[in-house]
C-alpha atoms as a PDB file:
ATOM      1  CA  MET A   1    -113.476 213.918  28.385  1.00  0.00           C
ATOM      2  CA  MET A   2    -112.546 210.400  27.261  1.00  0.00           C
ATOM      3  CA  PHE A   3    -112.696 209.358  23.619  1.00  0.00           C
ATOM      4  CA  GLU A   4    -112.088 206.051  21.855  1.00  0.00           C
ATOM      5  CA  TYR A   5    -111.034 205.579  18.268  1.00  0.00           C
ATOM      6  CA  THR A   6    -110.581 202.670  15.922  1.00  0.00           C
ATOM      7  CA  ARG A   7    -107.589 202.725  13.652  1.00  0.00           C
ATOM      8  CA  ARG A   8    -107.621 202.095   9.922  1.00  0.00           C
ATOM      9  CA  ARG A   9    -104.502 201.604   7.887  1.00  0.00           C
ATOM     10  CA  GLY A  10    -103.132 204.729   6.263  1.00  0.00           C
ATOM     11  CA  VAL A  11    -100.256 205.220   3.876  1.00  0.00           C
ATOM     12  CA  ARG A  12     -96.552 205.843   4.347  1.00  0.00           C
ATOM     13  CA  SER A  13     -95.830 209.503   4.890  1.00  0.00           C
ATOM     14  CA  PRO A  14     -94.072 211.057   1.890  1.00  0.00           C
ATOM     15  CA  VAL A  15     -92.257 213.406   4.291  1.00  0.00           C
ATOM     16  CA  THR A  16     -91.078 211.058   7.049  1.00  0.00           C
ATOM     17  CA  ASP A  17     -91.527 207.649   5.362  1.00  0.00           C
ATOM     18  CA  ALA A  18     -93.295 206.534   8.548  1.00  0.00           C
ATOM     19  CA  PRO A  19     -96.568 204.600   8.605  1.00  0.00           C
ATOM     20  CA  THR A  20     -99.718 206.629   9.230  1.00  0.00           C
ATOM     21  CA  PHE A  21    -103.260 205.710  10.191  1.00  0.00           C
ATOM     22  CA  ARG A  22    -106.767 206.953   9.589  1.00  0.00           C
ATOM     23  CA  VAL A  23    -109.572 207.027  12.116  1.00  0.00           C
ATOM     24  CA  GLY A  24    -112.274 204.467  11.397  1.00  0.00           C
ATOM     25  CA  LYS A  25    -114.593 205.573  14.184  1.00  0.00           C
ATOM     26  CA  LEU A  26    -114.366 208.158  16.931  1.00  0.00           C
ATOM     27  CA  ALA A  27    -116.717 208.041  19.906  1.00  0.00           C
ATOM     28  CA  ARG A  28    -117.086 209.355  23.409  1.00  0.00           C
ATOM     29  CA  ALA A  29    -116.024 206.547  25.684  1.00  0.00           C
ATOM     30  CA  LYS A  30    -118.803 204.616  27.362  1.00  0.00           C
ATOM     31  CA  THR A  31    -119.243 205.331  31.043  1.00  0.00           C
ATOM     32  CA  ALA A  32    -121.753 204.210  33.626  1.00  0.00           C
ATOM     33  CA  ASP A  33    -123.985 207.196  32.886  1.00  0.00           C
ATOM     34  CA  GLN A  34    -123.280 207.802  29.159  1.00  0.00           C
ATOM     35  CA  THR A  35    -123.400 205.783  25.972  1.00  0.00           C
ATOM     36  CA  GLY A  36    -120.510 205.927  23.564  1.00  0.00           C
ATOM     37  CA  ALA A  37    -121.922 208.543  21.177  1.00  0.00           C
ATOM     38  CA  ASP A  38    -120.327 208.413  17.722  1.00  0.00           C
ATOM     39  CA  ILE A  39    -118.680 211.743  16.873  1.00  0.00           C
ATOM     40  CA  SER A  40    -116.778 210.598  13.774  1.00  0.00           C
ATOM     41  CA  HIS A  41    -118.481 213.297  11.732  1.00  0.00           C
ATOM     42  CA  LEU A  42    -116.560 215.989  13.653  1.00  0.00           C
ATOM     43  CA  ILE A  43    -113.190 215.092  12.136  1.00  0.00           C
ATOM     44  CA  ASP A  44    -111.824 214.441   8.665  1.00  0.00           C
ATOM     45  CA  ARG A  45    -111.553 210.658   8.584  1.00  0.00           C
ATOM     46  CA  SER A  46    -109.498 210.750   5.375  1.00  0.00           C
ATOM     47  CA  TYR A  47    -106.600 212.490   7.158  1.00  0.00           C
ATOM     48  CA  ASN A  48    -103.488 210.380   7.727  1.00  0.00           C
ATOM     49  CA  TYR A  49    -102.354 210.796  11.349  1.00  0.00           C
ATOM     50  CA  HIS A  50     -98.734 210.140  12.230  1.00  0.00           C
ATOM     51  CA  SER A  51     -99.445 209.321  15.880  1.00  0.00           C
ATOM     52  CA  PRO A  52    -102.192 209.114  18.492  1.00  0.00           C
ATOM     53  CA  ARG A  53    -100.667 212.280  19.969  1.00  0.00           C
ATOM     54  CA  GLU A  54    -101.404 214.169  16.758  1.00  0.00           C
ATOM     55  CA  LEU A  55    -105.017 212.928  16.877  1.00  0.00           C
ATOM     56  CA  HIS A  56    -105.235 214.006  20.529  1.00  0.00           C
ATOM     57  CA  TRP A  57    -104.154 217.576  19.733  1.00  0.00           C
ATOM     58  CA  HIS A  58    -106.371 217.757  16.662  1.00  0.00           C
ATOM     59  CA  LEU A  59    -109.382 216.577  18.642  1.00  0.00           C
ATOM     60  CA  ALA A  60    -108.764 219.095  21.440  1.00  0.00           C
ATOM     61  CA  GLU A  61    -108.502 221.911  18.910  1.00  0.00           C
ATOM     62  CA  ARG A  62    -111.601 220.772  17.006  1.00  0.00           C
ATOM     63  CA  LEU A  63    -113.709 220.573  20.180  1.00  0.00           C
ATOM     64  CA  GLY A  64    -112.327 223.780  21.673  1.00  0.00           C
ATOM     65  CA  LEU A  65    -110.952 221.981  24.722  1.00  0.00           C
ATOM     66  CA  ALA A  66    -107.660 222.273  26.527  1.00  0.00           C
ATOM     67  CA  PRO A  67    -105.410 219.354  25.503  1.00  0.00           C
ATOM     68  CA  GLY A  68    -105.258 218.250  29.142  1.00  0.00           C
ATOM     69  CA  ALA A  69    -109.049 217.878  29.195  1.00  0.00           C
ATOM     70  CA  VAL A  70    -108.979 215.298  26.405  1.00  0.00           C
ATOM     71  CA  MET A  71    -108.154 211.656  27.025  1.00  0.00           C
ATOM     72  CA  LEU A  72    -107.836 209.298  24.087  1.00  0.00           C
ATOM     73  CA  ARG A  73    -107.541 205.550  23.828  1.00  0.00           C
ATOM     74  CA  GLU A  74    -107.556 203.097  20.985  1.00  0.00           C
ATOM     75  CA  SER A  75    -110.520 200.776  20.950  1.00  0.00           C
ATOM     76  CA  ALA A  76    -109.765 197.084  21.264  1.00  0.00           C
ATOM     77  CA  ALA A  77    -112.278 196.347  18.492  1.00  0.00           C
ATOM     78  CA  ALA A  78    -110.732 197.025  15.110  1.00  0.00           C
END
């Protein structure tokens, strides 16, 4: 299952001092036979992610999918 997200600026992590990001919008990726349904309501958009990998794992857990079944890409539109 392919998903696209838009990134919003987060804060610096108090633990690692690294930049974080928040998800602006999360949607199923558009395909020839499906529209890009918005599923932003399924995650906490106020959470500060440290990496796309962390979002990937969180999304797999939230949807009850194996991590290998989830594909994630950042949307070009910000």
